[in-house]
């Protein structure tokens, strides 16, 4: 009889495990994210989520290039190693079309009227939400949004009698960098990403391509690398980096560039607007010494990019309801308040919610707030180039094949920067790769 009772208890317990799981008691979410400061903050503060819900979290934090590779492999194979993935505005529409990530609309519909009112979907910046949607359905939620702008040391500018315009040209930036450059004392005129990758050196160089009047493809999808405008962009990039930039640039991505600027070793930096909060953070040696300007121009103006690192749920996840609970927590007004009150308002996730920019605490702590918002509003996402093009996207071309093409061009750019290849060899290699993408993808028109 005892044996029967014990067996009955075991059977009943096993039967309750799925119920416990549904109630969130036995859940554990695996989250793949990028190793930038905002995501590290999310990982740290997510202890509050676990404390409130009992849901355990396991973070896989990777460099940007490695994150893209591992997450793309996982979703493409339907392996389901991750419940939540960190992706951008570029990836989201294609992943949604491939059914690698789920529509969030059914989960929003499950929220009560009170929950929806508190979460306030209408508070998000509409251009960012639009980029994270497909056919009217939202597939990812922005954790932070960004454009790009120039950070510069106002103390050094004053010392040298320099004046930064609100909207500088690339030539002006180069001339300023020449004055500020002091490599003998490990201080550099400017720091720019040189690490190869479509989301690394190509994020910066992609805006430079547009600024100099170049473009990836013409209106018939004919590649445009073999043009004088493109040569001008390549030559200027190498000139400014090698003459007045940091040493070993092909190893410098966003994280490394941030370290150089925040440690006081650079006079200027052109990169993502999100970095402003960290330059004003408690660990920054240049806190209070940095000012801001719009993305540089040349032939074309309004060259700031538009991007949002966002949270999506893998289609293969077995914990979708709980995953939705986490991503709405991490993108809520309460989370932004938590960051502001525990880390500092200057490091609150930017570029997502209108209410953040209306918050007096954020305005007081973030001298960059207005320019960040201007940069995002000025980003010419729909018409990114001087001459007409058949694609959208400032620092990328909005086609699925761009990830591979951008990687190849990024490698060629790094080879040119390091002196391993000549400009003409690089131009022809990029032209060849672009032709293959255009023709194989069915874009090319005679």
Protein backbone atom coordinates (compact mmCIF):
# COMPACT_ATOMS: atom_id res chain seq x y z
CA UNK A 1 0.00 0.00 0.00
CA UNK A 2 2.82 2.40 0.88
CA UNK A 3 4.46 1.63 -2.43
CA UNK A 4 1.22 2.51 -4.22
CA UNK A 5 0.84 5.80 -2.32
CA UNK A 6 4.44 6.78 -3.11
CA UNK A 7 3.90 5.98 -6.78
CA UNK A 8 0.70 8.03 -6.75
CA UNK A 9 2.53 11.00 -5.21
CA UNK A 10 5.27 10.80 -7.85
CA UNK A 11 2.69 10.64 -10.66
CA UNK A 12 0.79 13.61 -9.24
CA UNK A 13 3.99 15.62 -8.83
CA UNK A 14 5.11 14.90 -12.38
CA UNK A 15 1.69 15.92 -13.59
CA UNK A 16 1.97 19.24 -11.80
CA UNK A 17 5.35 20.17 -13.32
CA UNK A 18 3.79 21.64 -16.49
CA UNK A 19 1.37 23.61 -14.28
CA UNK A 20 4.26 24.98 -12.22
CA UNK A 21 5.98 25.89 -15.46
CA UNK A 22 2.92 27.74 -16.73
CA UNK A 23 2.73 29.65 -13.47
CA UNK A 24 6.30 30.82 -13.89
CA UNK A 25 7.65 28.82 -10.92
CA UNK A 26 10.04 26.55 -12.78
CA UNK A 27 10.82 28.79 -15.74
CA UNK A 28 14.30 29.84 -16.79
CA UNK A 29 14.80 32.19 -19.71
CA UNK A 30 17.93 32.18 -21.84
CA UNK A 31 18.69 35.62 -23.26
CA UNK A 32 21.27 36.27 -25.99
CA UNK A 33 22.51 39.84 -25.95
CA UNK A 34 25.37 42.07 -27.03
CA UNK A 35 28.20 43.10 -24.69
CA UNK A 36 27.60 46.82 -24.71
CA UNK A 37 27.07 48.88 -21.55
CA UNK A 38 23.28 49.19 -21.82
CA UNK A 39 22.85 45.43 -22.03
CA UNK A 40 25.27 44.85 -19.15
CA UNK A 41 23.10 47.23 -17.12
CA UNK A 42 20.02 45.22 -18.12
CA UNK A 43 21.68 42.01 -16.96
CA UNK A 44 22.58 43.59 -13.62
CA UNK A 45 19.16 45.10 -12.94
CA UNK A 46 17.26 42.00 -14.08
CA UNK A 47 17.89 40.61 -10.60
CA UNK A 48 14.90 42.79 -9.65
CA UNK A 49 12.76 40.96 -12.21
CA UNK A 50 13.79 37.59 -10.80
CA UNK A 51 13.13 38.82 -7.25
CA UNK A 52 9.61 39.94 -8.21
CA UNK A 53 8.63 36.97 -10.38
CA UNK A 54 10.81 34.04 -9.32
CA UNK A 55 11.78 33.56 -12.98
CA UNK A 56 15.44 32.71 -13.41
CA UNK A 57 17.44 34.34 -16.18
CA UNK A 58 20.53 33.10 -17.99
CA UNK A 59 22.35 35.69 -20.09
CA UNK A 60 24.62 34.81 -23.01
CA UNK A 61 26.58 38.03 -23.54
CA UNK A 62 28.65 38.16 -26.73
CA UNK A 63 30.60 40.63 -28.89
CA UNK A 64 28.40 42.09 -31.62
CA UNK A 65 29.78 40.08 -34.56
CA UNK A 66 29.70 36.80 -32.61
CA UNK A 67 26.18 37.51 -31.35
CA UNK A 68 24.89 37.98 -34.90
CA UNK A 69 26.49 34.72 -36.03
CA UNK A 70 25.29 32.54 -33.16
CA UNK A 71 21.78 33.95 -32.99
CA UNK A 72 21.28 33.76 -36.76
CA UNK A 73 22.36 30.11 -36.73
CA UNK A 74 20.04 29.32 -33.83
CA UNK A 75 16.92 30.89 -35.30
CA UNK A 76 17.58 29.58 -38.80
CA UNK A 77 17.88 26.02 -37.49
CA UNK A 78 15.00 26.41 -35.04
CA UNK A 79 17.29 25.08 -32.31
CA UNK A 80 15.67 27.14 -29.59
CA UNK A 81 18.81 27.60 -27.50
CA UNK A 82 17.64 31.12 -26.74
CA UNK A 83 14.23 32.33 -25.64
CA UNK A 84 14.95 36.02 -26.16
CA UNK A 85 17.34 37.43 -28.75
CA UNK A 86 18.77 40.91 -29.16
CA UNK A 87 18.41 42.06 -32.76
CA UNK A 88 18.26 45.36 -34.61
CA UNK A 89 16.05 47.31 -36.96
CA UNK A 90 17.80 45.71 -39.94
CA UNK A 91 17.19 42.10 -38.89
CA UNK A 92 13.65 42.29 -37.58
CA UNK A 93 11.53 42.48 -40.79
CA UNK A 94 13.47 39.64 -42.46
CA UNK A 95 13.40 37.41 -39.39
CA UNK A 96 9.69 38.05 -39.06
CA UNK A 97 9.14 37.08 -42.71
CA UNK A 98 11.15 33.88 -42.12
CA UNK A 99 9.07 33.14 -38.99
CA UNK A 100 12.22 32.98 -36.87
CA UNK A 101 10.65 35.30 -34.30
CA UNK A 102 7.02 35.61 -33.23
CA UNK A 103 4.57 38.45 -33.65
CA UNK A 104 4.05 40.23 -30.34
CA UNK A 105 0.50 41.29 -31.14
CA UNK A 106 -1.19 38.18 -29.64
CA UNK A 107 0.72 38.74 -26.41
CA UNK A 108 -0.21 42.40 -26.22
CA UNK A 109 -3.86 41.35 -26.66
CA UNK A 110 -3.56 39.14 -23.56
CA UNK A 111 -2.62 42.16 -21.43
CA UNK A 112 -5.35 43.73 -19.35
CA UNK A 113 -6.54 47.27 -20.02
CA UNK A 114 -4.66 48.44 -16.92
CA UNK A 115 -1.44 46.72 -18.02
CA UNK A 116 -1.68 48.20 -21.51
CA UNK A 117 -2.28 51.67 -20.12
CA UNK A 118 0.74 51.40 -17.81
CA UNK A 119 2.97 50.00 -20.56
CA UNK A 120 1.80 52.69 -23.02
CA UNK A 121 2.75 51.48 -26.50
CA UNK A 122 1.94 54.92 -27.94
CA UNK A 123 4.83 56.36 -25.93
CA UNK A 124 7.42 54.74 -28.23
CA UNK A 125 8.98 56.76 -31.06
CA UNK A 126 7.00 55.79 -34.17
CA UNK A 127 9.94 55.59 -36.66
CA UNK A 128 11.60 52.95 -34.49
CA UNK A 129 8.43 50.90 -34.02
CA UNK A 130 7.80 51.06 -37.76
CA UNK A 131 11.26 49.61 -38.43
CA UNK A 132 10.51 46.74 -36.02
CA UNK A 133 7.23 45.80 -37.66
CA UNK A 134 6.07 43.79 -40.66
CA UNK A 135 2.64 44.12 -42.27
CA UNK A 136 1.39 46.15 -39.35
CA UNK A 137 2.48 43.69 -36.67
CA UNK A 138 5.26 44.41 -34.18
CA UNK A 139 7.90 41.68 -33.85
CA UNK A 140 10.44 43.28 -31.49
CA UNK A 141 10.49 45.95 -28.80
CA UNK A 142 13.27 48.57 -28.78
CA UNK A 143 15.46 48.40 -25.68
CA UNK A 144 17.27 51.52 -26.79
CA UNK A 145 17.30 53.52 -30.00
CA UNK A 146 20.08 55.55 -31.50
CA UNK A 147 21.31 57.70 -34.30
CA UNK A 148 24.92 58.85 -34.66
CA UNK A 149 26.66 62.08 -33.74
CA UNK A 150 30.02 63.65 -32.97
CA UNK A 151 31.33 63.75 -29.41
CA UNK A 152 34.09 66.25 -28.78
CA UNK A 153 36.13 67.52 -25.87
CA UNK A 154 34.90 71.05 -25.30
CA UNK A 155 37.80 71.74 -22.92
CA UNK A 156 40.33 70.87 -25.64
CA UNK A 157 38.42 72.91 -28.21
CA UNK A 158 38.54 75.92 -25.90
CA UNK A 159 42.24 75.36 -25.24
CA UNK A 160 43.02 75.42 -28.98
CA UNK A 161 40.52 78.16 -29.87
CA UNK A 162 38.32 75.84 -31.96
CA UNK A 163 34.57 76.15 -32.50
CA UNK A 164 32.48 73.11 -33.44
CA UNK A 165 29.43 73.83 -35.64
CA UNK A 166 26.18 72.11 -34.75
CA UNK A 167 26.32 70.42 -38.18
CA UNK A 168 30.02 70.00 -39.13
CA UNK A 169 31.43 68.72 -42.41
CA UNK A 170 33.87 65.81 -42.57
CA UNK A 171 36.59 68.18 -43.75
CA UNK A 172 36.05 70.35 -40.67
CA UNK A 173 36.25 67.26 -38.46
CA UNK A 174 39.53 66.28 -40.11
CA UNK A 175 41.02 69.75 -39.61
CA UNK A 176 39.97 69.78 -35.95
CA UNK A 177 41.50 66.33 -35.45
CA UNK A 178 44.82 67.51 -36.91
CA UNK A 179 44.99 70.21 -34.24
CA UNK A 180 43.99 67.89 -31.40
CA UNK A 181 46.15 64.92 -32.39
CA UNK A 182 48.97 64.24 -29.91
CA UNK A 183 50.11 60.63 -30.42
CA UNK A 184 53.36 61.18 -28.49
CA UNK A 185 51.21 61.43 -25.36
CA UNK A 186 48.75 58.70 -26.42
CA UNK A 187 46.07 61.25 -27.24
CA UNK A 188 44.42 61.06 -30.64
CA UNK A 189 42.55 63.61 -32.72
CA UNK A 190 39.61 61.29 -33.33
CA UNK A 191 38.58 57.71 -32.74
CA UNK A 192 36.56 55.81 -35.39
CA UNK A 193 35.55 52.16 -35.60
CA UNK A 194 37.88 50.08 -37.74
CA UNK A 195 36.92 46.57 -36.61
CA UNK A 196 35.53 44.74 -39.65
CA UNK A 197 31.84 43.88 -39.55
CA UNK A 198 28.63 45.18 -41.11
CA UNK A 199 27.61 46.49 -37.70
CA UNK A 200 31.08 47.72 -36.79
CA UNK A 201 33.30 49.60 -39.26
CA UNK A 202 30.51 49.59 -41.83
CA UNK A 203 28.11 51.40 -39.49
CA UNK A 204 30.45 54.39 -39.51
CA UNK A 205 31.65 54.01 -43.08
CA UNK A 206 28.11 53.45 -44.35
CA UNK A 207 27.18 56.98 -43.32
CA UNK A 208 30.41 58.27 -44.85
CA UNK A 209 29.46 56.63 -48.17
CA UNK A 210 26.20 58.58 -48.13
CA UNK A 211 27.85 61.82 -47.06
CA UNK A 212 30.32 61.79 -49.96
CA UNK A 213 27.54 61.31 -52.51
CA UNK A 214 28.25 57.62 -53.08
CA UNK A 215 25.75 54.77 -52.98
CA UNK A 216 25.78 50.97 -52.94
CA UNK A 217 23.46 50.56 -55.96
CA UNK A 218 21.80 52.82 -58.49
CA UNK A 219 18.07 52.71 -59.24
CA UNK A 220 18.49 49.60 -61.41
CA UNK A 221 20.49 47.82 -58.68
CA UNK A 222 23.74 48.24 -60.59
CA UNK A 223 26.62 48.30 -58.05
CA UNK A 224 28.26 51.71 -57.64
CA UNK A 225 31.62 50.94 -56.03
CA UNK A 226 33.56 51.68 -59.19
CA UNK A 227 32.81 55.42 -59.00
CA UNK A 228 34.76 58.50 -58.01
CA UNK A 229 32.35 59.27 -55.18
CA UNK A 230 32.99 55.85 -53.62
CA UNK A 231 36.75 56.23 -54.04
CA UNK A 232 36.53 59.59 -52.30
CA UNK A 233 34.78 57.99 -49.32
CA UNK A 234 37.35 55.18 -49.04
CA UNK A 235 40.28 57.56 -49.34
CA UNK A 236 38.94 60.02 -46.79
CA UNK A 237 38.19 57.26 -44.27
CA UNK A 238 41.73 55.92 -44.49
CA UNK A 239 43.25 59.41 -44.36
CA UNK A 240 41.45 60.52 -41.23
CA UNK A 241 41.96 57.24 -39.36
CA UNK A 242 45.62 56.71 -40.23
CA UNK A 243 46.72 60.34 -39.93
CA UNK A 244 44.83 61.54 -36.86
CA UNK A 245 43.10 58.47 -35.43
CA UNK A 246 43.89 55.75 -32.92
CA UNK A 247 46.60 53.11 -33.51
CA UNK A 248 45.56 49.57 -34.43
CA UNK A 249 42.15 50.71 -35.71
CA UNK A 250 41.13 47.33 -37.17
CA UNK A 251 40.77 46.03 -33.60
CA UNK A 252 38.58 48.93 -32.47
CA UNK A 253 34.82 48.44 -32.38
CA UNK A 254 32.19 50.35 -30.42
CA UNK A 255 33.29 49.05 -27.01
CA UNK A 256 36.98 49.79 -27.60
CA UNK A 257 36.22 53.25 -29.00
CA UNK A 258 34.08 54.06 -25.98
CA UNK A 259 36.96 53.06 -23.70
CA UNK A 260 39.36 55.36 -25.55
CA UNK A 261 37.02 58.36 -25.45
CA UNK A 262 35.85 57.88 -21.86
CA UNK A 263 39.45 57.51 -20.64
CA UNK A 264 40.35 60.91 -22.12
CA UNK A 265 42.56 59.64 -24.92
CA UNK A 266 40.62 61.13 -27.86
CA UNK A 267 39.63 64.66 -28.81
CA UNK A 268 36.62 63.54 -30.85
CA UNK A 269 34.59 60.45 -31.57
CA UNK A 270 31.89 59.86 -34.18
CA UNK A 271 29.56 57.01 -33.23
CA UNK A 272 26.20 56.03 -31.78
CA UNK A 273 24.25 58.63 -29.81
CA UNK A 274 23.71 56.05 -27.06
CA UNK A 275 27.35 56.48 -26.02
CA UNK A 276 26.62 59.95 -24.64
CA UNK A 277 25.15 58.54 -21.44
CA UNK A 278 28.29 56.57 -20.71
CA UNK A 279 30.57 59.51 -21.40
CA UNK A 280 28.60 61.37 -18.73
CA UNK A 281 28.63 58.38 -16.36
CA UNK A 282 30.39 58.17 -13.02
CA UNK A 283 33.22 56.03 -14.40
CA UNK A 284 34.01 58.40 -17.27
CA UNK A 285 37.12 60.57 -16.96
CA UNK A 286 35.61 63.07 -19.39
CA UNK A 287 32.32 63.57 -17.57
CA UNK A 288 31.24 67.18 -17.98
CA UNK A 289 33.93 67.81 -20.61
CA UNK A 290 32.08 66.51 -23.67
CA UNK A 291 29.86 68.40 -26.13
CA UNK A 292 27.92 67.13 -29.14
CA UNK A 293 27.31 67.82 -32.83
CA UNK A 294 25.24 66.25 -35.62
CA UNK A 295 26.65 63.56 -37.90
CA UNK A 296 29.22 65.06 -40.35
CA UNK A 297 28.26 65.93 -43.91
CA UNK A 298 30.07 66.35 -47.21
CA UNK A 299 28.04 66.38 -50.43
CA UNK A 300 24.97 65.21 -48.50
CA UNK A 301 23.59 66.36 -45.14
CA UNK A 302 21.55 64.44 -42.53
CA UNK A 303 23.79 61.38 -42.38
CA UNK A 304 23.05 60.13 -38.88
CA UNK A 305 22.04 56.49 -38.83
CA UNK A 306 18.88 54.99 -37.32
CA UNK A 307 19.15 51.87 -35.20
CA UNK A 308 17.55 50.18 -32.22
CA UNK A 309 18.88 47.20 -30.31
CA UNK A 310 15.65 45.37 -29.61
CA UNK A 311 14.29 42.29 -27.84
CA UNK A 312 12.43 39.57 -29.74
CA UNK A 313 11.14 36.10 -28.89
CA UNK A 314 12.41 33.09 -30.84
CA UNK A 315 9.71 31.02 -32.53
CA UNK A 316 11.33 27.85 -31.12
CA UNK A 317 11.16 29.11 -27.53
CA UNK A 318 9.12 26.97 -25.15
CA UNK A 319 8.66 29.89 -22.76
CA UNK A 320 7.05 32.54 -24.95
CA UNK A 321 4.57 33.92 -22.40
CA UNK A 322 7.26 34.33 -19.77
CA UNK A 323 9.66 35.75 -22.36
CA UNK A 324 7.06 38.38 -23.23
CA UNK A 325 6.75 39.21 -19.54
CA UNK A 326 10.49 39.90 -19.39
CA UNK A 327 10.81 41.96 -22.57
CA UNK A 328 7.91 44.20 -21.57
CA UNK A 329 9.49 44.63 -18.11
CA UNK A 330 12.86 45.57 -19.65
CA UNK A 331 11.28 48.11 -22.02
CA UNK A 332 8.81 49.66 -19.58
CA UNK A 333 8.74 53.14 -18.07
CA UNK A 334 9.41 51.50 -14.71
CA UNK A 335 12.64 49.96 -16.00
CA UNK A 336 13.82 53.32 -17.31
CA UNK A 337 13.02 54.80 -13.89
CA UNK A 338 14.95 51.95 -12.23
CA UNK A 339 18.04 52.71 -14.34
CA UNK A 340 17.71 56.42 -13.63
CA UNK A 341 17.41 55.99 -9.89
CA UNK A 342 20.07 53.29 -9.45
CA UNK A 343 22.65 53.86 -12.21
CA UNK A 344 21.99 57.49 -13.12
CA UNK A 345 19.47 59.26 -15.34
CA UNK A 346 22.15 60.07 -17.91
CA UNK A 347 22.37 56.32 -18.61
CA UNK A 348 18.65 55.68 -18.99
CA UNK A 349 17.94 53.81 -22.26
CA UNK A 350 17.56 56.52 -24.93
CA UNK A 351 15.78 56.74 -28.24
CA UNK A 352 12.71 54.68 -27.42
CA UNK A 353 10.12 56.54 -25.34
CA UNK A 354 8.89 60.11 -25.74
CA UNK A 355 8.34 60.29 -21.98
CA UNK A 356 12.05 59.85 -21.35
CA UNK A 357 12.80 63.11 -23.15
CA UNK A 358 9.97 64.87 -21.31
CA UNK A 359 11.28 63.71 -17.93
CA UNK A 360 12.88 66.63 -16.01
CA UNK A 361 15.31 64.23 -14.29
CA UNK A 362 16.57 63.00 -17.65
CA UNK A 363 16.75 66.51 -19.10
CA UNK A 364 18.82 67.70 -16.13
CA UNK A 365 21.24 64.76 -16.27
CA UNK A 366 21.53 64.41 -20.04
CA UNK A 367 22.88 67.53 -21.81
CA UNK A 368 22.85 65.48 -25.01
CA UNK A 369 19.11 64.72 -24.91
CA UNK A 370 17.95 67.39 -27.37
CA UNK A 371 20.66 66.67 -29.93
CA UNK A 372 20.01 62.93 -29.67
CA UNK A 373 16.35 63.46 -30.43
CA UNK A 374 17.25 65.84 -33.29
CA UNK A 375 19.66 63.24 -34.68
CA UNK A 376 17.01 60.53 -34.68
CA UNK A 377 14.41 62.80 -36.26
CA UNK A 378 16.89 63.96 -38.93
CA UNK A 379 18.04 60.47 -39.87
CA UNK A 380 17.10 60.12 -43.54
CA UNK A 381 16.08 56.45 -43.39
CA UNK A 382 13.80 56.49 -46.44
CA UNK A 383 16.12 58.60 -48.65
CA UNK A 384 19.62 57.88 -47.34
CA UNK A 385 21.70 58.97 -50.34
CA UNK A 386 22.36 62.09 -52.42
CA UNK A 387 21.22 60.39 -55.65
CA UNK A 388 18.10 58.18 -55.78
CA UNK A 389 18.36 54.53 -54.72
CA UNK A 390 15.89 51.63 -54.64
CA UNK A 391 16.62 50.76 -50.99
CA UNK A 392 16.13 52.19 -47.51
CA UNK A 393 18.42 52.24 -44.48
CA UNK A 394 21.16 54.73 -43.67
CA UNK A 395 24.10 52.57 -42.56
CA UNK A 396 22.83 49.47 -44.32
CA UNK A 397 20.92 48.39 -47.42
CA UNK A 398 17.51 47.01 -46.49
CA UNK A 399 17.80 43.62 -48.20
CA UNK A 400 18.41 40.25 -46.50
CA UNK A 401 21.63 39.73 -48.45
CA UNK A 402 23.23 42.85 -47.01
CA UNK A 403 24.48 41.06 -43.91
CA UNK A 404 26.83 38.95 -46.04
CA UNK A 405 27.68 41.79 -48.41
CA UNK A 406 28.33 44.19 -45.56
CA UNK A 407 30.67 41.69 -43.93
CA UNK A 408 32.68 41.29 -47.14
CA UNK A 409 32.93 45.03 -47.74
CA UNK A 410 33.88 45.51 -44.08
CA UNK A 411 36.75 43.05 -44.50
CA UNK A 412 37.90 44.79 -47.66
CA UNK A 413 37.75 48.17 -45.92
CA UNK A 414 39.90 46.82 -43.08
CA UNK A 415 42.40 45.42 -45.58
CA UNK A 416 42.65 48.81 -47.26
CA UNK A 417 42.98 50.58 -43.92
CA UNK A 418 45.82 48.31 -42.80
CA UNK A 419 47.64 48.59 -46.14
CA UNK A 420 47.18 44.92 -46.98
CA UNK A 421 45.34 45.78 -50.22
CA UNK A 422 45.33 48.70 -52.64
CA UNK A 423 42.32 50.92 -53.17
CA UNK A 424 41.71 49.61 -56.69
CA UNK A 425 41.88 45.98 -55.58
CA UNK A 426 39.38 46.73 -52.82
CA UNK A 427 37.05 48.67 -55.13
CA UNK A 428 36.97 45.84 -57.67
CA UNK A 429 36.45 43.19 -54.99
CA UNK A 430 33.52 45.14 -53.52
CA UNK A 431 32.06 45.75 -56.99
CA UNK A 432 32.24 42.03 -57.76
CA UNK A 433 30.55 41.06 -54.49
CA UNK A 434 27.80 43.62 -55.01
CA UNK A 435 27.12 42.36 -58.55
CA UNK A 436 26.79 38.80 -57.26
CA UNK A 437 24.31 39.89 -54.57
CA UNK A 438 22.29 42.00 -56.99
CA UNK A 439 22.05 39.30 -59.65
CA UNK A 440 21.67 36.28 -57.36
CA UNK A 441 19.01 38.10 -55.36
CA UNK A 442 17.06 38.98 -58.50
CA UNK A 443 17.40 42.72 -58.00
CA UNK A 444 19.56 43.54 -61.03
CA UNK A 445 17.74 45.16 -63.95
CA UNK A 446 19.17 45.50 -67.47
